[in-house]
Amino acid sequence: MTQKELKKLNRRELLQMLLTQSRKLDEQTAQIADLKKKLEEKRAVEKNAGSIAEAALGLYGVFEAAQKAADYYLDAVRLMAEREEQSGES
C-alpha cells in the first residue's frame, strides 16, 4: 500500500491494519520459537547418535578382546587335551 493510500484511511481502518499486523507478528514469533525448539531437538538427537556410534565402536573393541581371550583359552585347552592324549598313548 502506498503512502498516499495510507493517508486516505481513517483511524479505524489504520487500527485494524495495525491489529492484523500485530497478530501476524505474534503467529510468526510463535512459529519461530517452535522451529527453534525442533532444531535444538534435532541437534540433540544428532549429538546422541554420535555418542552411540562411539559407544558401539568401544564395545566392538571389548568384544574383539573377549573373542581373542576365548580363542586363546580354547587353544590352550586343545593343547592340554592333545598332551594328555599323547601321554596316555605312551
N, C-alpha and C. Protein backbone atom coordinates (compact mmCIF):
# COMPACT_ATOMS: atom_id res chain seq x y z
N MET A 1 0.84 -1.16 0.00
CA MET A 1 0.00 0.00 0.00
C MET A 1 0.90 1.24 0.00
N THR A 2 0.54 2.19 -0.79
CA THR A 2 1.36 3.39 -0.91
C THR A 2 1.06 4.36 0.23
N GLN A 3 1.92 5.34 0.36
CA GLN A 3 1.76 6.32 1.43
C GLN A 3 0.50 7.15 1.20
N LYS A 4 0.20 7.42 -0.06
CA LYS A 4 -0.99 8.20 -0.40
C LYS A 4 -2.25 7.44 0.02
N GLU A 5 -2.25 6.12 -0.25
CA GLU A 5 -3.40 5.30 0.13
C GLU A 5 -3.54 5.22 1.65
N LEU A 6 -2.40 5.15 2.35
CA LEU A 6 -2.44 5.12 3.81
C LEU A 6 -3.06 6.39 4.38
N LYS A 7 -2.74 7.53 3.79
CA LYS A 7 -3.25 8.82 4.27
C LYS A 7 -4.77 8.91 4.11
N LYS A 8 -5.32 8.18 3.14
CA LYS A 8 -6.76 8.23 2.90
C LYS A 8 -7.55 7.38 3.90
N LEU A 9 -6.86 6.47 4.60
CA LEU A 9 -7.54 5.59 5.54
C LEU A 9 -7.93 6.35 6.81
N ASN A 10 -9.08 5.97 7.36
CA ASN A 10 -9.49 6.60 8.62
C ASN A 10 -8.84 5.87 9.80
N ARG A 11 -9.05 6.43 10.96
CA ARG A 11 -8.40 5.91 12.17
C ARG A 11 -8.77 4.45 12.42
N ARG A 12 -10.02 4.10 12.26
CA ARG A 12 -10.48 2.73 12.48
C ARG A 12 -9.77 1.76 11.53
N GLU A 13 -9.67 2.10 10.26
CA GLU A 13 -9.01 1.23 9.28
C GLU A 13 -7.52 1.07 9.60
N LEU A 14 -6.89 2.15 10.04
CA LEU A 14 -5.48 2.08 10.41
C LEU A 14 -5.27 1.17 11.62
N LEU A 15 -6.15 1.31 12.61
CA LEU A 15 -6.05 0.46 13.79
C LEU A 15 -6.29 -1.02 13.43
N GLN A 16 -7.23 -1.27 12.52
CA GLN A 16 -7.50 -2.63 12.08
C GLN A 16 -6.26 -3.21 11.39
N MET A 17 -5.62 -2.42 10.56
CA MET A 17 -4.39 -2.87 9.89
C MET A 17 -3.29 -3.18 10.91
N LEU A 18 -3.18 -2.29 11.89
CA LEU A 18 -2.18 -2.48 12.94
C LEU A 18 -2.45 -3.76 13.73
N LEU A 19 -3.72 -3.99 14.04
CA LEU A 19 -4.10 -5.20 14.77
C LEU A 19 -3.80 -6.45 13.94
N THR A 20 -4.10 -6.41 12.67
CA THR A 20 -3.82 -7.55 11.78
C THR A 20 -2.32 -7.82 11.72
N GLN A 21 -1.54 -6.78 11.58
CA GLN A 21 -0.07 -6.95 11.52
C GLN A 21 0.47 -7.48 12.84
N SER A 22 -0.10 -7.02 13.94
CA SER A 22 0.33 -7.48 15.25
C SER A 22 0.04 -8.97 15.42
N ARG A 23 -1.14 -9.41 14.98
CA ARG A 23 -1.48 -10.84 15.06
C ARG A 23 -0.54 -11.68 14.20
N LYS A 24 -0.25 -11.20 13.00
CA LYS A 24 0.68 -11.93 12.12
C LYS A 24 2.06 -12.04 12.77
N LEU A 25 2.48 -10.94 13.39
CA LEU A 25 3.78 -10.94 14.06
C LEU A 25 3.80 -11.95 15.21
N ASP A 26 2.72 -11.99 15.98
CA ASP A 26 2.63 -12.95 17.08
C ASP A 26 2.68 -14.39 16.56
N GLU A 27 1.96 -14.67 15.49
CA GLU A 27 1.96 -16.00 14.89
C GLU A 27 3.37 -16.39 14.41
N GLN A 28 4.02 -15.45 13.75
CA GLN A 28 5.36 -15.74 13.23
C GLN A 28 6.37 -15.91 14.36
N THR A 29 6.21 -15.14 15.42
CA THR A 29 7.10 -15.28 16.57
C THR A 29 6.93 -16.66 17.20
N ALA A 30 5.68 -17.11 17.33
CA ALA A 30 5.41 -18.43 17.89
C ALA A 30 5.97 -19.52 16.97
N GLN A 31 5.81 -19.33 15.68
CA GLN A 31 6.32 -20.30 14.71
C GLN A 31 7.85 -20.38 14.78
N ILE A 32 8.50 -19.24 14.91
CA ILE A 32 9.97 -19.22 15.03
C ILE A 32 10.41 -19.94 16.30
N ALA A 33 9.72 -19.70 17.40
CA ALA A 33 10.06 -20.37 18.66
C ALA A 33 9.89 -21.88 18.51
N ASP A 34 8.83 -22.32 17.85
CA ASP A 34 8.60 -23.75 17.64
C ASP A 34 9.70 -24.35 16.76
N LEU A 35 10.06 -23.66 15.71
CA LEU A 35 11.12 -24.15 14.82
C LEU A 35 12.47 -24.22 15.54
N LYS A 36 12.75 -23.23 16.39
CA LYS A 36 13.99 -23.26 17.17
C LYS A 36 14.02 -24.46 18.10
N LYS A 37 12.88 -24.75 18.73
CA LYS A 37 12.79 -25.90 19.63
C LYS A 37 13.04 -27.20 18.86
N LYS A 38 12.42 -27.32 17.70
CA LYS A 38 12.61 -28.52 16.88
C LYS A 38 14.06 -28.67 16.43
N LEU A 39 14.68 -27.55 16.10
CA LEU A 39 16.08 -27.58 15.68
C LEU A 39 16.98 -28.05 16.82
N GLU A 40 16.73 -27.55 18.01
CA GLU A 40 17.51 -27.97 19.17
C GLU A 40 17.32 -29.47 19.44
N GLU A 41 16.09 -29.95 19.28
CA GLU A 41 15.83 -31.38 19.48
C GLU A 41 16.60 -32.22 18.45
N LYS A 42 16.61 -31.77 17.20
CA LYS A 42 17.35 -32.49 16.16
C LYS A 42 18.84 -32.48 16.45
N ARG A 43 19.34 -31.34 16.91
CA ARG A 43 20.77 -31.27 17.25
C ARG A 43 21.10 -32.23 18.39
N ALA A 44 20.21 -32.33 19.37
CA ALA A 44 20.43 -33.25 20.49
C ALA A 44 20.43 -34.69 20.00
N VAL A 45 19.52 -35.01 19.08
CA VAL A 45 19.48 -36.37 18.52
C VAL A 45 20.76 -36.67 17.76
N GLU A 46 21.24 -35.71 16.96
CA GLU A 46 22.48 -35.91 16.21
C GLU A 46 23.66 -36.10 17.15
N LYS A 47 23.69 -35.32 18.22
CA LYS A 47 24.78 -35.44 19.19
C LYS A 47 24.76 -36.81 19.85
N ASN A 48 23.57 -37.26 20.23
CA ASN A 48 23.43 -38.58 20.86
C ASN A 48 23.76 -39.69 19.88
N ALA A 49 23.43 -39.50 18.61
CA ALA A 49 23.75 -40.52 17.61
C ALA A 49 25.26 -40.68 17.51
N GLY A 50 25.99 -39.58 17.57
CA GLY A 50 27.45 -39.65 17.55
C GLY A 50 27.96 -40.38 18.77
N SER A 51 27.38 -40.11 19.92
CA SER A 51 27.79 -40.78 21.15
C SER A 51 27.50 -42.28 21.08
N ILE A 52 26.36 -42.63 20.51
CA ILE A 52 26.00 -44.05 20.38
C ILE A 52 26.98 -44.75 19.45
N ALA A 53 27.35 -44.09 18.35
CA ALA A 53 28.31 -44.68 17.42
C ALA A 53 29.66 -44.89 18.10
N GLU A 54 30.09 -43.91 18.88
CA GLU A 54 31.35 -44.04 19.59
C GLU A 54 31.29 -45.18 20.61
N ALA A 55 30.16 -45.30 21.30
CA ALA A 55 29.99 -46.38 22.27
C ALA A 55 30.02 -47.74 21.57
N ALA A 56 29.39 -47.81 20.40
CA ALA A 56 29.38 -49.07 19.65
C ALA A 56 30.80 -49.45 19.23
N LEU A 57 31.57 -48.47 18.80
CA LEU A 57 32.97 -48.76 18.44
C LEU A 57 33.75 -49.25 19.66
N GLY A 58 33.50 -48.64 20.80
CA GLY A 58 34.17 -49.07 22.03
C GLY A 58 33.78 -50.49 22.41
N LEU A 59 32.50 -50.80 22.26
CA LEU A 59 32.04 -52.16 22.56
C LEU A 59 32.64 -53.17 21.58
N TYR A 60 32.80 -52.74 20.33
CA TYR A 60 33.41 -53.63 19.35
C TYR A 60 34.81 -54.02 19.82
N GLY A 61 35.56 -53.07 20.34
CA GLY A 61 36.90 -53.35 20.85
C GLY A 61 36.86 -54.32 22.02
N VAL A 62 35.87 -54.16 22.90
CA VAL A 62 35.72 -55.06 24.05
C VAL A 62 35.39 -56.46 23.56
N PHE A 63 34.46 -56.58 22.63
CA PHE A 63 34.08 -57.89 22.11
C PHE A 63 35.24 -58.55 21.37
N GLU A 64 36.00 -57.75 20.65
CA GLU A 64 37.16 -58.29 19.92
C GLU A 64 38.19 -58.85 20.92
N ALA A 65 38.44 -58.13 21.99
CA ALA A 65 39.38 -58.60 23.01
C ALA A 65 38.84 -59.86 23.69
N ALA A 66 37.55 -59.90 23.96
CA ALA A 66 36.94 -61.07 24.58
C ALA A 66 37.04 -62.28 23.66
N GLN A 67 36.83 -62.07 22.37
CA GLN A 67 36.94 -63.17 21.41
C GLN A 67 38.37 -63.70 21.35
N LYS A 68 39.34 -62.81 21.37
CA LYS A 68 40.75 -63.24 21.35
C LYS A 68 41.07 -64.05 22.61
N ALA A 69 40.57 -63.61 23.75
CA ALA A 69 40.80 -64.34 25.01
C ALA A 69 40.15 -65.71 24.95
N ALA A 70 38.93 -65.78 24.41
CA ALA A 70 38.24 -67.07 24.30
C ALA A 70 38.99 -68.00 23.35
N ASP A 71 39.46 -67.45 22.22
CA ASP A 71 40.25 -68.27 21.28
C ASP A 71 41.52 -68.79 21.94
N TYR A 72 42.21 -67.93 22.68
CA TYR A 72 43.43 -68.32 23.37
C TYR A 72 43.14 -69.44 24.37
N TYR A 73 42.04 -69.29 25.12
CA TYR A 73 41.65 -70.29 26.11
C TYR A 73 41.35 -71.63 25.42
N LEU A 74 40.60 -71.60 24.34
CA LEU A 74 40.28 -72.85 23.63
C LEU A 74 41.53 -73.50 23.06
N ASP A 75 42.45 -72.70 22.53
CA ASP A 75 43.72 -73.26 22.03
C ASP A 75 44.49 -73.93 23.16
N ALA A 76 44.51 -73.31 24.33
CA ALA A 76 45.22 -73.88 25.48
C ALA A 76 44.56 -75.18 25.92
N VAL A 77 43.23 -75.23 25.93
CA VAL A 77 42.52 -76.45 26.32
C VAL A 77 42.79 -77.56 25.31
N ARG A 78 42.76 -77.24 24.04
CA ARG A 78 43.05 -78.24 23.00
C ARG A 78 44.47 -78.78 23.14
N LEU A 79 45.40 -77.89 23.38
CA LEU A 79 46.79 -78.29 23.53
C LEU A 79 46.94 -79.21 24.74
N MET A 80 46.29 -78.87 25.84
CA MET A 80 46.36 -79.72 27.03
C MET A 80 45.73 -81.08 26.75
N ALA A 81 44.61 -81.10 26.02
CA ALA A 81 43.94 -82.35 25.69
C ALA A 81 44.83 -83.21 24.80
N GLU A 82 45.51 -82.58 23.84
CA GLU A 82 46.41 -83.31 22.96
C GLU A 82 47.57 -83.90 23.75
N ARG A 83 48.11 -83.14 24.68
CA ARG A 83 49.24 -83.62 25.50
C ARG A 83 48.80 -84.79 26.38
N GLU A 84 47.60 -84.70 26.94
CA GLU A 84 47.10 -85.80 27.77
C GLU A 84 46.90 -87.05 26.92
N GLU A 85 46.39 -86.85 25.71
CA GLU A 85 46.19 -87.95 24.81
C GLU A 85 47.53 -88.65 24.47
N GLN A 86 48.53 -87.79 24.17
CA GLN A 86 49.83 -88.31 23.80
C GLN A 86 50.49 -89.01 25.00
N SER A 87 50.35 -88.44 26.16
CA SER A 87 50.98 -89.07 27.34
C SER A 87 50.24 -90.35 27.72
N GLY A 88 48.98 -90.47 27.40
CA GLY A 88 48.23 -91.67 27.67
C GLY A 88 48.59 -92.78 26.70
N GLU A 89 49.01 -92.41 25.50
CA GLU A 89 49.38 -93.41 24.50
C GLU A 89 50.77 -93.95 24.76
N SER A 90 51.61 -93.17 25.37
CA SER A 90 52.99 -93.60 25.59
C SER A 90 53.15 -94.58 26.68
